[in-house]
Amino acid sequence: MIRLKSPEEVETMRKSAALVAATLDHVGSHVQPGVTTQELDRLALEFIRKNGGTPSFLGYRGYKYTICASINDEVVHGLPSKRMLKDGDIISVDVGVIMDGFHGDAARTFPVGKISPEAEKLLRVTRESLEKGVAKAAPGGRLGDISAAIQEHVEQNGMSIVRSLVGHGIGQDLHEDPQIPNYGKPGVGVFLKPGMVFAIEPMVNAGGWEVETLNDGWTVVSADHSLAAHFEHTVAVTETGPLVLTTKA
């Protein structure tokens, strides 16, 4: 069941979502060669708590960290560790925050030092595909419009959408209905209504779309070990169109 949020609840969600955005800014400012993902996780935890939030991921289904830190061919759910970032890496940071009973969720992929032209294109195309999906989150549209817009842009640029991982509704629970695939046909799926709030999150591989999960039970990598990127926003459907909540207040 899709839970519609009142305008007042959407405003409440702005607080957690804004802290997510600020946390990504804070973590991103420390992304550089020689930094460990464990250190980035610590920075995120301290920043969230200092600003009155609670990490959404910490303890969720047994997860032990504040962020997911996914490097290079790691698509999502990479575990923070003593692994050091190197010049030329890319790292996807996913973070969630709960405040006043509501979650916010977002992700960005950051360059580490000087990255390759292929990696630059991957980041650009993934970010653009998110923007195109968000633009379709308007009342009167269909859920498939979001999915199709993302897929079309990615595939036009010679890359692949991961198919076994999806976006989701969000609110008082971190993951709510509906699931939001990043591929599909326009004009299908549920009608979009004001009060729906989604975490829209294209996950894009530079090679094939297939993925596999490592033995740690969390980290998802591209099956062909091609580079992967992940961008995500929490977005409300409003009477006047899509409203991105995961921007700084």
Protein backbone atom coordinates (compact mmCIF):
# COMPACT_ATOMS: atom_id res chain seq x y z
CA MET A 1 0.00 0.00 0.00
CA ILE A 2 1.31 3.43 -0.94
CA ARG A 3 1.17 5.85 1.99
CA LEU A 4 0.28 9.39 0.94
CA LYS A 5 1.86 12.15 3.03
CA SER A 6 0.06 15.34 3.97
CA PRO A 7 1.65 18.68 3.05
CA GLU A 8 2.62 19.01 6.71
CA GLU A 9 4.31 15.61 6.67
CA VAL A 10 6.20 16.50 3.49
CA GLU A 11 7.44 19.63 5.27
CA THR A 12 8.56 17.47 8.18
CA MET A 13 10.45 15.23 5.77
CA ARG A 14 12.35 18.27 4.49
CA LYS A 15 14.30 18.32 7.77
CA SER A 16 15.66 14.78 7.56
CA ALA A 17 16.20 15.10 3.82
CA ALA A 18 18.09 18.39 4.20
CA LEU A 19 20.37 16.77 6.77
CA VAL A 20 21.02 13.92 4.33
CA ALA A 21 22.09 16.47 1.71
CA ALA A 22 24.30 18.31 4.18
CA THR A 23 25.86 15.02 5.30
CA LEU A 24 26.72 14.12 1.70
CA ASP A 25 28.29 17.56 1.26
CA HIS A 26 30.31 17.03 4.45
CA VAL A 27 31.48 13.53 3.54
CA GLY A 28 32.17 14.54 -0.05
CA SER A 29 34.45 17.35 1.10
CA HIS A 30 36.69 14.70 2.71
CA VAL A 31 36.82 12.34 -0.27
CA GLN A 32 40.46 12.28 -1.38
CA PRO A 33 43.28 9.80 -1.90
CA GLY A 34 44.48 8.24 1.35
CA VAL A 35 41.19 8.53 3.24
CA THR A 36 39.57 5.29 4.38
CA THR A 37 35.88 4.54 3.96
CA GLN A 38 35.82 3.81 7.69
CA GLU A 39 36.86 7.42 8.29
CA LEU A 40 34.11 8.68 5.99
CA ASP A 41 31.61 6.59 7.93
CA ARG A 42 32.79 8.11 11.22
CA LEU A 43 32.51 11.63 9.81
CA ALA A 44 28.94 10.95 8.66
CA LEU A 45 27.87 9.52 12.03
CA GLU A 46 29.31 12.44 13.99
CA PHE A 47 27.78 15.01 11.63
CA ILE A 48 24.31 13.47 11.71
CA ARG A 49 24.24 13.22 15.50
CA LYS A 50 25.68 16.71 15.95
CA ASN A 51 22.78 18.05 13.88
CA GLY A 52 20.05 16.24 15.76
CA GLY A 53 19.45 13.29 13.45
CA THR A 54 19.69 9.53 13.74
CA PRO A 55 21.30 7.40 11.02
CA SER A 56 18.66 5.36 9.18
CA PHE A 57 21.03 2.60 8.09
CA LEU A 58 22.82 1.93 11.38
CA GLY A 59 21.26 -1.27 12.74
CA TYR A 60 18.85 -1.64 9.81
CA ARG A 61 18.53 -5.39 9.15
CA GLY A 62 21.77 -5.86 11.05
CA TYR A 63 23.76 -3.27 9.06
CA LYS A 64 26.62 -1.95 11.21
CA TYR A 65 27.44 1.37 9.54
CA THR A 66 26.06 4.86 8.92
CA ILE A 67 26.84 4.99 5.19
CA CYS A 68 27.22 2.59 2.34
CA ALA A 69 30.58 3.23 0.64
CA SER A 70 30.86 1.54 -2.75
CA ILE A 71 34.10 1.85 -4.75
CA ASN A 72 34.60 1.42 -8.51
CA ASP A 73 32.78 -1.80 -9.55
CA GLU A 74 30.77 -1.85 -6.30
CA VAL A 75 27.24 -0.79 -7.21
CA VAL A 76 25.69 -0.39 -3.75
CA HIS A 77 25.92 -1.52 -0.11
CA GLY A 78 29.70 -1.39 0.11
CA LEU A 79 30.86 -1.81 3.71
CA PRO A 80 33.08 0.90 5.25
CA SER A 81 36.51 -0.49 6.12
CA LYS A 82 40.20 0.37 6.40
CA ARG A 83 40.43 0.40 2.61
CA MET A 84 42.06 3.63 1.43
CA LEU A 85 40.78 5.59 -1.53
CA LYS A 86 43.23 5.95 -4.41
CA ASP A 87 43.61 8.58 -7.09
CA GLY A 88 41.32 7.65 -9.99
CA ASP A 89 38.75 5.77 -7.87
CA ILE A 90 35.08 6.64 -7.77
CA ILE A 91 33.07 6.13 -4.60
CA SER A 92 29.29 6.03 -4.17
CA VAL A 93 28.10 7.21 -0.77
CA ASP A 94 24.53 6.37 0.27
CA VAL A 95 23.12 7.76 3.52
CA GLY A 96 19.79 7.94 5.32
CA VAL A 97 18.63 10.05 8.27
CA ILE A 98 15.54 9.95 10.46
CA MET A 99 14.20 13.06 12.22
CA ASP A 100 10.79 13.61 13.78
CA GLY A 101 9.73 10.13 12.72
CA PHE A 102 10.47 10.47 8.99
CA HIS A 103 13.37 9.30 6.86
CA GLY A 104 15.37 10.98 4.12
CA ASP A 105 17.63 9.02 1.76
CA ALA A 106 20.10 10.05 -0.94
CA ALA A 107 23.31 8.99 -2.67
CA ARG A 108 26.05 10.55 -4.76
CA THR A 109 29.08 9.17 -6.56
CA PHE A 110 32.24 11.19 -6.01
CA PRO A 111 35.49 11.28 -7.99
CA VAL A 112 38.70 10.61 -6.07
CA GLY A 113 41.40 12.87 -7.45
CA LYS A 114 41.69 12.76 -11.24
CA ILE A 115 39.41 10.16 -12.80
CA SER A 116 39.26 8.71 -16.30
CA PRO A 117 37.07 10.14 -19.07
CA GLU A 118 34.99 6.93 -18.90
CA ALA A 119 34.37 7.48 -15.19
CA GLU A 120 33.53 11.14 -15.75
CA LYS A 121 30.96 10.17 -18.37
CA LEU A 122 29.47 7.51 -16.09
CA LEU A 123 28.99 10.00 -13.26
CA ARG A 124 27.50 12.60 -15.58
CA VAL A 125 25.08 10.22 -17.29
CA THR A 126 23.92 8.68 -14.00
CA ARG A 127 23.33 12.11 -12.46
CA GLU A 128 21.45 13.24 -15.59
CA SER A 129 19.32 10.09 -15.58
CA LEU A 130 18.26 10.88 -12.01
CA GLU A 131 17.28 14.39 -13.08
CA LYS A 132 15.22 13.01 -15.95
CA GLY A 133 13.48 10.53 -13.66
CA VAL A 134 12.73 13.20 -11.07
CA ALA A 135 11.18 15.43 -13.74
CA LYS A 136 8.56 12.73 -14.39
CA ALA A 137 7.43 12.58 -10.74
CA ALA A 138 4.42 14.79 -11.40
CA PRO A 139 0.72 14.28 -10.67
CA GLY A 140 -1.20 12.62 -13.49
CA GLY A 141 1.82 10.69 -14.71
CA ARG A 142 2.50 7.01 -14.19
CA LEU A 143 5.25 5.28 -12.25
CA GLY A 144 6.59 3.78 -15.47
CA ASP A 145 7.27 7.28 -16.80
CA ILE A 146 10.00 7.69 -14.17
CA SER A 147 11.52 4.31 -14.92
CA ALA A 148 11.46 4.75 -18.69
CA ALA A 149 13.03 8.21 -18.60
CA ILE A 150 15.97 6.88 -16.58
CA GLN A 151 16.49 3.83 -18.77
CA GLU A 152 16.28 5.76 -22.02
CA HIS A 153 18.94 8.27 -21.07
CA VAL A 154 21.34 5.64 -19.75
CA GLU A 155 21.04 3.35 -22.74
CA GLN A 156 21.27 6.22 -25.23
CA ASN A 157 24.69 6.83 -23.74
CA GLY A 158 25.84 3.23 -24.13
CA MET A 159 25.57 2.20 -20.49
CA SER A 160 23.39 -0.24 -18.56
CA ILE A 161 20.74 0.13 -15.86
CA VAL A 162 20.98 -2.36 -13.02
CA ARG A 163 17.71 -4.28 -13.08
CA SER A 164 17.68 -6.25 -9.84
CA LEU A 165 17.86 -3.17 -7.58
CA VAL A 166 15.15 -0.53 -7.37
CA GLY A 167 14.10 2.76 -5.84
CA HIS A 168 11.28 2.86 -3.30
CA GLY A 169 8.69 4.80 -1.43
CA ILE A 170 9.89 6.44 1.77
CA GLY A 171 8.38 8.06 4.86
CA GLN A 172 7.98 6.75 8.38
CA ASP A 173 9.64 3.59 7.09
CA LEU A 174 12.90 3.70 5.17
CA HIS A 175 11.50 1.40 2.49
CA GLU A 176 7.83 1.72 1.60
CA ASP A 177 5.70 0.87 -1.43
CA PRO A 178 5.99 1.23 -4.32
CA GLN A 179 9.14 -0.27 -5.74
CA ILE A 180 10.55 1.97 -8.49
CA PRO A 181 12.51 0.10 -11.17
CA ASN A 182 14.99 2.15 -13.17
CA TYR A 183 13.80 0.58 -16.41
CA GLY A 184 10.38 0.08 -17.94
CA LYS A 185 7.71 1.49 -20.25
CA PRO A 186 6.06 4.90 -20.05
CA GLY A 187 2.34 5.05 -19.40
CA VAL A 188 2.20 2.00 -17.15
CA GLY A 189 2.13 1.49 -13.38
CA VAL A 190 0.27 3.39 -10.68
CA PHE A 191 -0.92 6.92 -11.29
CA LEU A 192 1.19 9.51 -9.48
CA LYS A 193 -0.65 11.58 -6.86
CA PRO A 194 0.29 14.48 -4.61
CA GLY A 195 1.57 13.12 -1.29
CA MET A 196 3.59 10.29 -2.76
CA VAL A 197 7.24 10.45 -1.71
CA PHE A 198 9.87 8.42 -3.50
CA ALA A 199 13.56 7.60 -3.24
CA ILE A 200 14.51 7.63 -6.92
CA GLU A 201 17.94 6.06 -7.40
CA PRO A 202 19.41 5.00 -10.74
CA MET A 203 22.28 2.54 -10.43
CA VAL A 204 24.29 2.43 -13.65
CA ASN A 205 27.05 0.16 -14.90
CA ALA A 206 29.51 1.21 -17.58
CA GLY A 207 29.35 -2.39 -18.89
CA GLY A 208 26.55 -4.95 -18.61
CA TRP A 209 23.59 -4.65 -16.24
CA GLU A 210 24.16 -7.93 -14.39
CA VAL A 211 25.30 -7.81 -10.75
CA GLU A 212 26.32 -10.23 -8.01
CA THR A 213 26.59 -10.05 -4.22
CA LEU A 214 29.92 -10.67 -2.51
CA ASN A 215 30.43 -13.15 0.31
CA ASP A 216 29.98 -10.41 2.93
CA GLY A 217 26.26 -10.64 2.13
CA TRP A 218 25.97 -6.90 1.44
CA THR A 219 28.25 -5.57 -1.27
CA VAL A 220 26.74 -5.70 -4.76
CA VAL A 221 29.22 -5.50 -7.65
CA SER A 222 28.89 -5.40 -11.42
CA ALA A 223 29.25 -8.97 -12.69
CA ASP A 224 31.74 -7.89 -15.37
CA HIS A 225 33.55 -5.62 -12.85
CA SER A 226 32.86 -2.52 -14.92
CA LEU A 227 32.60 0.81 -13.11
CA ALA A 228 29.30 1.57 -11.40
CA ALA A 229 27.65 4.79 -10.21
CA HIS A 230 24.67 5.60 -7.98
CA PHE A 231 22.77 8.86 -7.52
CA GLU A 232 19.61 9.23 -5.44
CA HIS A 233 17.16 11.89 -4.25
CA THR A 234 14.13 11.83 -1.99
CA VAL A 235 11.35 13.42 -4.05
CA ALA A 236 7.77 14.41 -3.20
CA VAL A 237 4.99 14.51 -5.78
CA THR A 238 3.14 17.80 -5.21
CA GLU A 239 0.22 19.57 -6.87
CA THR A 240 2.70 21.66 -8.87
CA GLY A 241 5.14 18.89 -9.78
CA PRO A 242 8.16 17.13 -8.30
CA LEU A 243 9.82 18.57 -5.20
CA VAL A 244 13.36 17.37 -4.42
CA LEU A 245 13.65 17.19 -0.64
CA THR A 246 17.29 16.14 -0.40
CA THR A 247 18.72 19.59 -0.92
CA LYS A 248 20.19 21.73 1.83
CA ALA A 249 17.79 23.91 3.77
